[in-house]
């Protein structure tokens, strides 16, 4: 059973790594929104393509606060923290119980 336990533990670490990477991508997108970046820059285009499918539905449902403040990145960050706590924590607990 230790092999299955190690597999579940590795899966938990992989999910945590992916969520952390996406968290950094969302933060970079939010920081870039404060300046006027070149829309033809490959990095800016990647950040836009990677985050827009997640941010757009949230942006459509949230009201815009004064001066056009977009809170959708904050909602996504909170969702990522929630998923890290729920999914990764549950997978770590499952791996520990399989030992």
PDB file of N, CA and C in Angstrom:
ATOM      1  N   UNK A   1       0.807  -1.205   0.000  1.00  0.00           N
ATOM      2  CA  UNK A   1       0.000   0.000   0.000  1.00  0.00           C
ATOM      3  C   UNK A   1       0.846   1.263   0.000  1.00  0.00           C
ATOM      4  N   UNK A   2       2.125   1.143   0.352  1.00  0.00           N
ATOM      5  CA  UNK A   2       2.962   2.329   0.394  1.00  0.00           C
ATOM      6  C   UNK A   2       3.130   2.935  -0.996  1.00  0.00           C
ATOM      7  N   UNK A   3       3.079   2.099  -2.042  1.00  0.00           N
ATOM      8  CA  UNK A   3       3.213   2.613  -3.406  1.00  0.00           C
ATOM      9  C   UNK A   3       2.015   3.495  -3.762  1.00  0.00           C
ATOM     10  N   UNK A   4       0.811   3.068  -3.418  1.00  0.00           N
ATOM     11  CA  UNK A   4      -0.385   3.876  -3.658  1.00  0.00           C
ATOM     12  C   UNK A   4      -0.351   5.155  -2.827  1.00  0.00           C
ATOM     13  N   UNK A   5       0.138   5.039  -1.602  1.00  0.00           N
ATOM     14  CA  UNK A   5       0.260   6.210  -0.743  1.00  0.00           C
ATOM     15  C   UNK A   5       1.220   7.230  -1.347  1.00  0.00           C
ATOM     16  N   UNK A   6       2.345   6.760  -1.847  1.00  0.00           N
ATOM     17  CA  UNK A   6       3.314   7.672  -2.467  1.00  0.00           C
ATOM     18  C   UNK A   6       2.762   8.283  -3.757  1.00  0.00           C
ATOM     19  N   UNK A   7       1.972   7.504  -4.488  1.00  0.00           N
ATOM     20  CA  UNK A   7       1.354   8.015  -5.705  1.00  0.00           C
ATOM     21  C   UNK A   7       0.362   9.131  -5.386  1.00  0.00           C
ATOM     22  N   UNK A   8      -0.453   8.937  -4.380  1.00  0.00           N
ATOM     23  CA  UNK A   8      -1.419   9.960  -3.985  1.00  0.00           C
ATOM     24  C   UNK A   8      -0.694  11.196  -3.448  1.00  0.00           C
ATOM     25  N   UNK A   9       0.386  10.985  -2.709  1.00  0.00           N
ATOM     26  CA  UNK A   9       1.165  12.111  -2.188  1.00  0.00           C
ATOM     27  C   UNK A   9       1.796  12.903  -3.327  1.00  0.00           C
ATOM     28  N   UNK A  10       2.313  12.199  -4.334  1.00  0.00           N
ATOM     29  CA  UNK A  10       2.901  12.872  -5.494  1.00  0.00           C
ATOM     30  C   UNK A  10       1.836  13.634  -6.277  1.00  0.00           C
ATOM     31  N   UNK A  11       0.649  13.059  -6.398  1.00  0.00           N
ATOM     32  CA  UNK A  11      -0.455  13.742  -7.066  1.00  0.00           C
ATOM     33  C   UNK A  11      -0.835  15.012  -6.318  1.00  0.00           C
ATOM     34  N   UNK A  12      -0.857  14.949  -5.002  1.00  0.00           N
ATOM     35  CA  UNK A  12      -1.167  16.132  -4.194  1.00  0.00           C
ATOM     36  C   UNK A  12      -0.127  17.221  -4.419  1.00  0.00           C
ATOM     37  N   UNK A  13       1.125  16.840  -4.479  1.00  0.00           N
ATOM     38  CA  UNK A  13       2.184  17.823  -4.721  1.00  0.00           C
ATOM     39  C   UNK A  13       2.087  18.417  -6.124  1.00  0.00           C
ATOM     40  N   UNK A  14       1.715  17.603  -7.096  1.00  0.00           N
ATOM     41  CA  UNK A  14       1.555  18.092  -8.460  1.00  0.00           C
ATOM     42  C   UNK A  14       0.398  19.079  -8.563  1.00  0.00           C
ATOM     43  N   UNK A  15      -0.718  18.749  -7.939  1.00  0.00           N
ATOM     44  CA  UNK A  15      -1.868  19.662  -7.939  1.00  0.00           C
ATOM     45  C   UNK A  15      -1.502  20.971  -7.238  1.00  0.00           C
ATOM     46  N   UNK A  16      -0.767  20.884  -6.153  1.00  0.00           N
ATOM     47  CA  UNK A  16      -0.334  22.077  -5.436  1.00  0.00           C
ATOM     48  C   UNK A  16       0.579  22.930  -6.310  1.00  0.00           C
ATOM     49  N   UNK A  17       1.488  22.304  -7.039  1.00  0.00           N
ATOM     50  CA  UNK A  17       2.397  23.025  -7.925  1.00  0.00           C
ATOM     51  C   UNK A  17       1.638  23.732  -9.049  1.00  0.00           C
ATOM     52  N   UNK A  18       0.679  23.050  -9.637  1.00  0.00           N
ATOM     53  CA  UNK A  18      -0.120  23.653 -10.717  1.00  0.00           C
ATOM     54  C   UNK A  18      -0.936  24.834 -10.187  1.00  0.00           C
ATOM     55  N   UNK A  19      -1.531  24.678  -9.017  1.00  0.00           N
ATOM     56  CA  UNK A  19      -2.306  25.777  -8.438  1.00  0.00           C
ATOM     57  C   UNK A  19      -1.418  26.968  -8.089  1.00  0.00           C
ATOM     58  N   UNK A  20      -0.215  26.715  -7.580  1.00  0.00           N
ATOM     59  CA  UNK A  20       0.716  27.802  -7.284  1.00  0.00           C
ATOM     60  C   UNK A  20       1.156  28.516  -8.556  1.00  0.00           C
ATOM     61  N   UNK A  21       1.406  27.761  -9.620  1.00  0.00           N
ATOM     62  CA  UNK A  21       1.808  28.375 -10.888  1.00  0.00           C
ATOM     63  C   UNK A  21       0.685  29.254 -11.432  1.00  0.00           C
ATOM     64  N   UNK A  22      -0.548  28.770 -11.362  1.00  0.00           N
ATOM     65  CA  UNK A  22      -1.673  29.570 -11.854  1.00  0.00           C
ATOM     66  C   UNK A  22      -1.892  30.797 -10.980  1.00  0.00           C
ATOM     67  N   UNK A  23      -1.637  30.660  -9.693  1.00  0.00           N
ATOM     68  CA  UNK A  23      -1.735  31.802  -8.789  1.00  0.00           C
ATOM     69  C   UNK A  23      -0.757  32.891  -9.222  1.00  0.00           C
ATOM     70  N   UNK A  24       0.465  32.512  -9.548  1.00  0.00           N
ATOM     71  CA  UNK A  24       1.453  33.496  -9.997  1.00  0.00           C
ATOM     72  C   UNK A  24       1.059  34.118 -11.327  1.00  0.00           C
ATOM     73  N   UNK A  25       0.456  33.334 -12.210  1.00  0.00           N
ATOM     74  CA  UNK A  25       0.009  33.866 -13.497  1.00  0.00           C
ATOM     75  C   UNK A  25      -1.099  34.898 -13.295  1.00  0.00           C
ATOM     76  N   UNK A  26      -2.024  34.620 -12.405  1.00  0.00           N
ATOM     77  CA  UNK A  26      -3.112  35.568 -12.133  1.00  0.00           C
ATOM     78  C   UNK A  26      -2.563  36.840 -11.488  1.00  0.00           C
ATOM     79  N   UNK A  27      -1.618  36.701 -10.580  1.00  0.00           N
ATOM     80  CA  UNK A  27      -1.012  37.882  -9.949  1.00  0.00           C
ATOM     81  C   UNK A  27      -0.273  38.717 -10.992  1.00  0.00           C
ATOM     82  N   UNK A  28       0.468  38.061 -11.886  1.00  0.00           N
ATOM     83  CA  UNK A  28       1.175  38.791 -12.935  1.00  0.00           C
ATOM     84  C   UNK A  28       0.189  39.516 -13.844  1.00  0.00           C
ATOM     85  N   UNK A  29      -0.919  38.876 -14.156  1.00  0.00           N
ATOM     86  CA  UNK A  29      -1.937  39.521 -14.996  1.00  0.00           C
ATOM     87  C   UNK A  29      -2.525  40.736 -14.286  1.00  0.00           C
ATOM     88  N   UNK A  30      -2.760  40.623 -12.985  1.00  0.00           N
ATOM     89  CA  UNK A  30      -3.321  41.751 -12.236  1.00  0.00           C
ATOM     90  C   UNK A  30      -2.331  42.907 -12.178  1.00  0.00           C
ATOM     91  N   UNK A  31      -1.066  42.599 -11.980  1.00  0.00           N
ATOM     92  CA  UNK A  31      -0.050  43.655 -11.929  1.00  0.00           C
ATOM     93  C   UNK A  31       0.087  44.321 -13.297  1.00  0.00           C
ATOM     94  N   UNK A  32       0.043  43.542 -14.357  1.00  0.00           N
ATOM     95  CA  UNK A  32       0.138  44.116 -15.700  1.00  0.00           C
ATOM     96  C   UNK A  32      -1.065  44.988 -16.038  1.00  0.00           C
ATOM     97  N   UNK A  33      -2.194  44.740 -15.403  1.00  0.00           N
ATOM     98  CA  UNK A  33      -3.364  45.563 -15.689  1.00  0.00           C
ATOM     99  C   UNK A  33      -3.214  46.982 -15.133  1.00  0.00           C
ATOM    100  N   UNK A  34      -2.267  47.190 -14.241  1.00  0.00           N
ATOM    101  CA  UNK A  34      -2.048  48.520 -13.677  1.00  0.00           C
ATOM    102  C   UNK A  34      -1.258  49.422 -14.616  1.00  0.00           C
ATOM    103  N   UNK A  35      -0.518  48.811 -15.537  1.00  0.00           N
ATOM    104  CA  UNK A  35       0.257  49.581 -16.504  1.00  0.00           C
ATOM    105  C   UNK A  35      -0.348  49.371 -17.884  1.00  0.00           C
ATOM    106  N   UNK A  36       0.215  50.000 -18.863  1.00  0.00           N
ATOM    107  CA  UNK A  36      -0.272  49.843 -20.228  1.00  0.00           C
ATOM    108  C   UNK A  36       0.737  49.003 -21.006  1.00  0.00           C
ATOM    109  N   UNK A  37       0.631  47.654 -20.912  1.00  0.00           N
ATOM    110  CA  UNK A  37       1.629  46.809 -21.578  1.00  0.00           C
ATOM    111  C   UNK A  37       1.387  46.735 -23.084  1.00  0.00           C
ATOM    112  N   UNK A  38       2.423  46.360 -23.807  1.00  0.00           N
ATOM    113  CA  UNK A  38       2.314  46.161 -25.246  1.00  0.00           C
ATOM    114  C   UNK A  38       1.456  44.916 -25.501  1.00  0.00           C
ATOM    115  N   UNK A  39       0.307  45.055 -26.169  1.00  0.00           N
ATOM    116  CA  UNK A  39      -0.563  43.889 -26.361  1.00  0.00           C
ATOM    117  C   UNK A  39       0.015  42.844 -27.307  1.00  0.00           C
ATOM    118  N   UNK A  40       1.084  43.180 -28.030  1.00  0.00           N
ATOM    119  CA  UNK A  40       1.703  42.225 -28.941  1.00  0.00           C
ATOM    120  C   UNK A  40       2.894  41.500 -28.317  1.00  0.00           C
ATOM    121  N   UNK A  41       3.199  41.813 -27.086  1.00  0.00           N
ATOM    122  CA  UNK A  41       4.273  41.123 -26.384  1.00  0.00           C
ATOM    123  C   UNK A  41       3.825  39.685 -26.120  1.00  0.00           C
ATOM    124  N   UNK A  42       4.682  38.687 -26.425  1.00  0.00           N
ATOM    125  CA  UNK A  42       4.266  37.289 -26.243  1.00  0.00           C
ATOM    126  C   UNK A  42       3.924  36.936 -24.799  1.00  0.00           C
ATOM    127  N   UNK A  43       4.609  37.535 -23.853  1.00  0.00           N
ATOM    128  CA  UNK A  43       4.320  37.239 -22.443  1.00  0.00           C
ATOM    129  C   UNK A  43       2.950  37.787 -22.059  1.00  0.00           C
ATOM    130  N   UNK A  44       2.664  38.998 -22.493  1.00  0.00           N
ATOM    131  CA  UNK A  44       1.364  39.612 -22.203  1.00  0.00           C
ATOM    132  C   UNK A  44       0.255  38.806 -22.867  1.00  0.00           C
ATOM    133  N   UNK A  45       0.480  38.377 -24.086  1.00  0.00           N
ATOM    134  CA  UNK A  45      -0.527  37.579 -24.786  1.00  0.00           C
ATOM    135  C   UNK A  45      -0.748  36.239 -24.092  1.00  0.00           C
ATOM    136  N   UNK A  46       0.332  35.604 -23.609  1.00  0.00           N
ATOM    137  CA  UNK A  46       0.187  34.340 -22.877  1.00  0.00           C
ATOM    138  C   UNK A  46      -0.615  34.542 -21.597  1.00  0.00           C
ATOM    139  N   UNK A  47      -0.274  35.585 -20.834  1.00  0.00           N
ATOM    140  CA  UNK A  47      -0.996  35.842 -19.585  1.00  0.00           C
ATOM    141  C   UNK A  47      -2.479  36.092 -19.855  1.00  0.00           C
ATOM    142  N   UNK A  48      -2.754  36.813 -20.923  1.00  0.00           N
ATOM    143  CA  UNK A  48      -4.149  37.093 -21.263  1.00  0.00           C
ATOM    144  C   UNK A  48      -4.881  35.812 -21.663  1.00  0.00           C
ATOM    145  N   UNK A  49      -4.264  34.994 -22.504  1.00  0.00           N
ATOM    146  CA  UNK A  49      -4.905  33.751 -22.946  1.00  0.00           C
ATOM    147  C   UNK A  49      -5.063  32.750 -21.807  1.00  0.00           C
ATOM    148  N   UNK A  50      -4.127  32.751 -20.860  1.00  0.00           N
ATOM    149  CA  UNK A  50      -4.179  31.777 -19.767  1.00  0.00           C
ATOM    150  C   UNK A  50      -5.200  32.150 -18.699  1.00  0.00           C
ATOM    151  N   UNK A  51      -5.462  33.429 -18.532  1.00  0.00           N
ATOM    152  CA  UNK A  51      -6.334  33.847 -17.435  1.00  0.00           C
ATOM    153  C   UNK A  51      -7.719  34.293 -17.872  1.00  0.00           C
ATOM    154  N   UNK A  52      -7.871  34.727 -19.096  1.00  0.00           N
ATOM    155  CA  UNK A  52      -9.160  35.279 -19.524  1.00  0.00           C
ATOM    156  C   UNK A  52     -10.309  34.276 -19.456  1.00  0.00           C
ATOM    157  N   UNK A  53     -10.124  32.987 -19.817  1.00  0.00           N
ATOM    158  CA  UNK A  53     -11.259  32.061 -19.690  1.00  0.00           C
ATOM    159  C   UNK A  53     -11.767  31.891 -18.258  1.00  0.00           C
ATOM    160  N   UNK A  54     -10.917  32.124 -17.282  1.00  0.00           N
ATOM    161  CA  UNK A  54     -11.337  32.008 -15.883  1.00  0.00           C
ATOM    162  C   UNK A  54     -11.863  33.341 -15.365  1.00  0.00           C
ATOM    163  N   UNK A  55     -11.220  34.434 -15.754  1.00  0.00           N
ATOM    164  CA  UNK A  55     -11.609  35.743 -15.228  1.00  0.00           C
ATOM    165  C   UNK A  55     -12.889  36.287 -15.859  1.00  0.00           C
ATOM    166  N   UNK A  56     -13.129  36.012 -17.141  1.00  0.00           N
ATOM    167  CA  UNK A  56     -14.276  36.600 -17.830  1.00  0.00           C
ATOM    168  C   UNK A  56     -15.616  36.238 -17.193  1.00  0.00           C
ATOM    169  N   UNK A  57     -15.903  34.947 -16.897  1.00  0.00           N
ATOM    170  CA  UNK A  57     -17.213  34.658 -16.274  1.00  0.00           C
ATOM    171  C   UNK A  57     -17.376  35.305 -14.903  1.00  0.00           C
ATOM    172  N   UNK A  58     -16.303  35.397 -14.161  1.00  0.00           N
ATOM    173  CA  UNK A  58     -16.378  36.037 -12.842  1.00  0.00           C
ATOM    174  C   UNK A  58     -16.594  37.531 -13.007  1.00  0.00           C
ATOM    175  N   UNK A  59     -15.898  38.135 -13.951  1.00  0.00           N
ATOM    176  CA  UNK A  59     -16.025  39.567 -14.212  1.00  0.00           C
ATOM    177  C   UNK A  59     -17.451  39.922 -14.641  1.00  0.00           C
ATOM    178  N   UNK A  60     -18.097  39.042 -15.400  1.00  0.00           N
ATOM    179  CA  UNK A  60     -19.463  39.309 -15.849  1.00  0.00           C
ATOM    180  C   UNK A  60     -20.467  39.247 -14.708  1.00  0.00           C
ATOM    181  N   UNK A  61     -20.183  38.467 -13.685  1.00  0.00           N
ATOM    182  CA  UNK A  61     -21.119  38.314 -12.569  1.00  0.00           C
ATOM    183  C   UNK A  61     -20.888  39.317 -11.436  1.00  0.00           C
ATOM    184  N   UNK A  62     -19.662  39.828 -11.333  1.00  0.00           N
ATOM    185  CA  UNK A  62     -19.354  40.779 -10.266  1.00  0.00           C
ATOM    186  C   UNK A  62     -19.684  42.199 -10.697  1.00  0.00           C
ATOM    187  N   UNK A  63     -20.223  42.983  -9.789  1.00  0.00           N
ATOM    188  CA  UNK A  63     -20.410  44.395 -10.134  1.00  0.00           C
ATOM    189  C   UNK A  63     -19.063  45.121 -10.114  1.00  0.00           C
ATOM    190  N   UNK A  64     -18.931  46.106 -10.963  1.00  0.00           N
ATOM    191  CA  UNK A  64     -17.704  46.895 -10.999  1.00  0.00           C
ATOM    192  C   UNK A  64     -17.768  47.945  -9.914  1.00  0.00           C
ATOM    193  N   UNK A  65     -16.704  48.029  -9.139  1.00  0.00           N
ATOM    194  CA  UNK A  65     -16.643  48.992  -8.041  1.00  0.00           C
ATOM    195  C   UNK A  65     -16.182  50.338  -8.612  1.00  0.00           C
ATOM    196  N   UNK A  66     -16.262  51.371  -7.822  1.00  0.00           N
ATOM    197  CA  UNK A  66     -15.919  52.726  -8.243  1.00  0.00           C
ATOM    198  C   UNK A  66     -14.582  52.766  -8.984  1.00  0.00           C
ATOM    199  N   UNK A  67     -14.526  53.593  -9.979  1.00  0.00           N
ATOM    200  CA  UNK A  67     -13.341  53.820 -10.819  1.00  0.00           C
ATOM    201  C   UNK A  67     -12.944  52.567 -11.594  1.00  0.00           C
ATOM    202  N   UNK A  68     -13.866  51.683 -11.863  1.00  0.00           N
ATOM    203  CA  UNK A  68     -13.594  50.521 -12.700  1.00  0.00           C
ATOM    204  C   UNK A  68     -12.704  49.469 -12.071  1.00  0.00           C
ATOM    205  N   UNK A  69     -12.730  49.339 -10.774  1.00  0.00           N
ATOM    206  CA  UNK A  69     -11.902  48.355 -10.078  1.00  0.00           C
ATOM    207  C   UNK A  69     -12.426  46.952 -10.345  1.00  0.00           C
ATOM    208  N   UNK A  70     -11.563  46.102 -10.880  1.00  0.00           N
ATOM    209  CA  UNK A  70     -11.925  44.730 -11.226  1.00  0.00           C
ATOM    210  C   UNK A  70     -11.487  43.802 -10.091  1.00  0.00           C
ATOM    211  N   UNK A  71     -12.446  43.147  -9.463  1.00  0.00           N
ATOM    212  CA  UNK A  71     -12.147  42.259  -8.344  1.00  0.00           C
ATOM    213  C   UNK A  71     -12.071  40.792  -8.744  1.00  0.00           C
ATOM    214  N   UNK A  72     -12.204  40.493 -10.034  1.00  0.00           N
ATOM    215  CA  UNK A  72     -12.190  39.099 -10.460  1.00  0.00           C
ATOM    216  C   UNK A  72     -10.862  38.390 -10.158  1.00  0.00           C
ATOM    217  N   UNK A  73      -9.686  39.032 -10.276  1.00  0.00           N
ATOM    218  CA  UNK A  73      -8.474  38.315  -9.868  1.00  0.00           C
ATOM    219  C   UNK A  73      -8.466  37.949  -8.385  1.00  0.00           C
ATOM    220  N   UNK A  74      -9.039  38.789  -7.542  1.00  0.00           N
ATOM    221  CA  UNK A  74      -9.100  38.491  -6.113  1.00  0.00           C
ATOM    222  C   UNK A  74      -9.991  37.285  -5.862  1.00  0.00           C
ATOM    223  N   UNK A  75     -11.088  37.170  -6.579  1.00  0.00           N
ATOM    224  CA  UNK A  75     -11.980  36.024  -6.431  1.00  0.00           C
ATOM    225  C   UNK A  75     -11.270  34.747  -6.870  1.00  0.00           C
ATOM    226  N   UNK A  76     -10.530  34.825  -7.970  1.00  0.00           N
ATOM    227  CA  UNK A  76      -9.788  33.656  -8.450  1.00  0.00           C
ATOM    228  C   UNK A  76      -8.704  33.263  -7.449  1.00  0.00           C
ATOM    229  N   UNK A  77      -8.012  34.232  -6.877  1.00  0.00           N
ATOM    230  CA  UNK A  77      -6.988  33.920  -5.870  1.00  0.00           C
ATOM    231  C   UNK A  77      -7.605  33.250  -4.648  1.00  0.00           C
ATOM    232  N   UNK A  78      -8.746  33.741  -4.210  1.00  0.00           N
ATOM    233  CA  UNK A  78      -9.424  33.107  -3.075  1.00  0.00           C
ATOM    234  C   UNK A  78      -9.863  31.682  -3.420  1.00  0.00           C
ATOM    235  N   UNK A  79     -10.325  31.484  -4.647  1.00  0.00           N
ATOM    236  CA  UNK A  79     -10.707  30.137  -5.075  1.00  0.00           C
ATOM    237  C   UNK A  79      -9.502  29.206  -5.121  1.00  0.00           C
ATOM    238  N   UNK A  80      -8.360  29.717  -5.558  1.00  0.00           N
ATOM    239  CA  UNK A  80      -7.145  28.895  -5.592  1.00  0.00           C
ATOM    240  C   UNK A  80      -6.726  28.517  -4.179  1.00  0.00           C
ATOM    241  N   UNK A  81      -6.767  29.471  -3.252  1.00  0.00           N
ATOM    242  CA  UNK A  81      -6.418  29.159  -1.859  1.00  0.00           C
ATOM    243  C   UNK A  81      -7.384  28.126  -1.277  1.00  0.00           C
ATOM    244  N   UNK A  82      -8.665  28.256  -1.609  1.00  0.00           N
ATOM    245  CA  UNK A  82      -9.658  27.291  -1.131  1.00  0.00           C
ATOM    246  C   UNK A  82      -9.373  25.906  -1.699  1.00  0.00           C
ATOM    247  N   UNK A  83      -9.076  25.829  -3.000  1.00  0.00           N
ATOM    248  CA  UNK A  83      -8.777  24.537  -3.623  1.00  0.00           C
ATOM    249  C   UNK A  83      -7.506  23.918  -3.050  1.00  0.00           C
ATOM    250  N   UNK A  84      -6.511  24.748  -2.780  1.00  0.00           N
ATOM    251  CA  UNK A  84      -5.291  24.214  -2.177  1.00  0.00           C
ATOM    252  C   UNK A  84      -5.584  23.622  -0.815  1.00  0.00           C
ATOM    253  N   UNK A  85      -6.381  24.302  -0.054  1.00  0.00           N
ATOM    254  CA  UNK A  85      -6.701  23.801   1.277  1.00  0.00           C
ATOM    255  C   UNK A  85      -7.557  22.539   1.205  1.00  0.00           C
ATOM    256  N   UNK A  86      -8.544  22.545   0.348  1.00  0.00           N
ATOM    257  CA  UNK A  86      -9.478  21.423   0.274  1.00  0.00           C
ATOM    258  C   UNK A  86      -8.879  20.219  -0.444  1.00  0.00           C
ATOM    259  N   UNK A  87      -8.472  20.396  -1.681  1.00  0.00           N
ATOM    260  CA  UNK A  87      -8.033  19.270  -2.501  1.00  0.00           C
ATOM    261  C   UNK A  87      -6.674  18.745  -2.062  1.00  0.00           C
ATOM    262  N   UNK A  88      -5.700  19.639  -1.952  1.00  0.00           N
ATOM    263  CA  UNK A  88      -4.352  19.198  -1.600  1.00  0.00           C
ATOM    264  C   UNK A  88      -4.325  18.653  -0.175  1.00  0.00           C
ATOM    265  N   UNK A  89      -5.014  19.317   0.720  1.00  0.00           N
ATOM    266  CA  UNK A  89      -5.076  18.812   2.090  1.00  0.00           C
ATOM    267  C   UNK A  89      -5.741  17.446   2.177  1.00  0.00           C
ATOM    268  N   UNK A  90      -6.815  17.270   1.419  1.00  0.00           N
ATOM    269  CA  UNK A  90      -7.504  15.970   1.415  1.00  0.00           C
ATOM    270  C   UNK A  90      -6.631  14.882   0.824  1.00  0.00           C
ATOM    271  N   UNK A  91      -5.902  15.194  -0.240  1.00  0.00           N
ATOM    272  CA  UNK A  91      -5.015  14.206  -0.847  1.00  0.00           C
ATOM    273  C   UNK A  91      -3.869  13.840   0.085  1.00  0.00           C
ATOM    274  N   UNK A  92      -3.338  14.816   0.795  1.00  0.00           N
ATOM    275  CA  UNK A  92      -2.282  14.515   1.788  1.00  0.00           C
ATOM    276  C   UNK A  92      -2.824  13.639   2.912  1.00  0.00           C
ATOM    277  N   UNK A  93      -4.026  13.921   3.376  1.00  0.00           N
ATOM    278  CA  UNK A  93      -4.627  13.091   4.421  1.00  0.00           C
ATOM    279  C   UNK A  93      -4.904  11.684   3.922  1.00  0.00           C
ATOM    280  N   UNK A  94      -5.348  11.566   2.674  1.00  0.00           N
ATOM    281  CA  UNK A  94      -5.584  10.248   2.095  1.00  0.00           C
ATOM    282  C   UNK A  94      -4.269   9.459   1.976  1.00  0.00           C
ATOM    283  N   UNK A  95      -3.225  10.141   1.553  1.00  0.00           N
ATOM    284  CA  UNK A  95      -1.926   9.473   1.437  1.00  0.00           C
ATOM    285  C   UNK A  95      -1.429   9.023   2.801  1.00  0.00           C
ATOM    286  N   UNK A  96      -1.644   9.837   3.823  1.00  0.00           N
ATOM    287  CA  UNK A  96      -1.203   9.449   5.166  1.00  0.00           C
ATOM    288  C   UNK A  96      -2.003   8.263   5.700  1.00  0.00           C
ATOM    289  N   UNK A  97      -3.287   8.201   5.353  1.00  0.00           N
ATOM    290  CA  UNK A  97      -4.101   7.097   5.849  1.00  0.00           C
ATOM    291  C   UNK A  97      -3.814   5.793   5.126  1.00  0.00           C
ATOM    292  N   UNK A  98      -3.236   5.865   3.941  1.00  0.00           N
ATOM    293  CA  UNK A  98      -2.915   4.650   3.194  1.00  0.00           C
ATOM    294  C   UNK A  98      -1.612   3.978   3.651  1.00  0.00           C
ATOM    295  N   UNK A  99      -0.842   4.656   4.456  1.00  0.00           N
ATOM    296  CA  UNK A  99       0.452   4.112   4.890  1.00  0.00           C
ATOM    297  C   UNK A  99       0.285   3.042   5.912  1.00  0.00           C
TER     298      UNK A  99
END
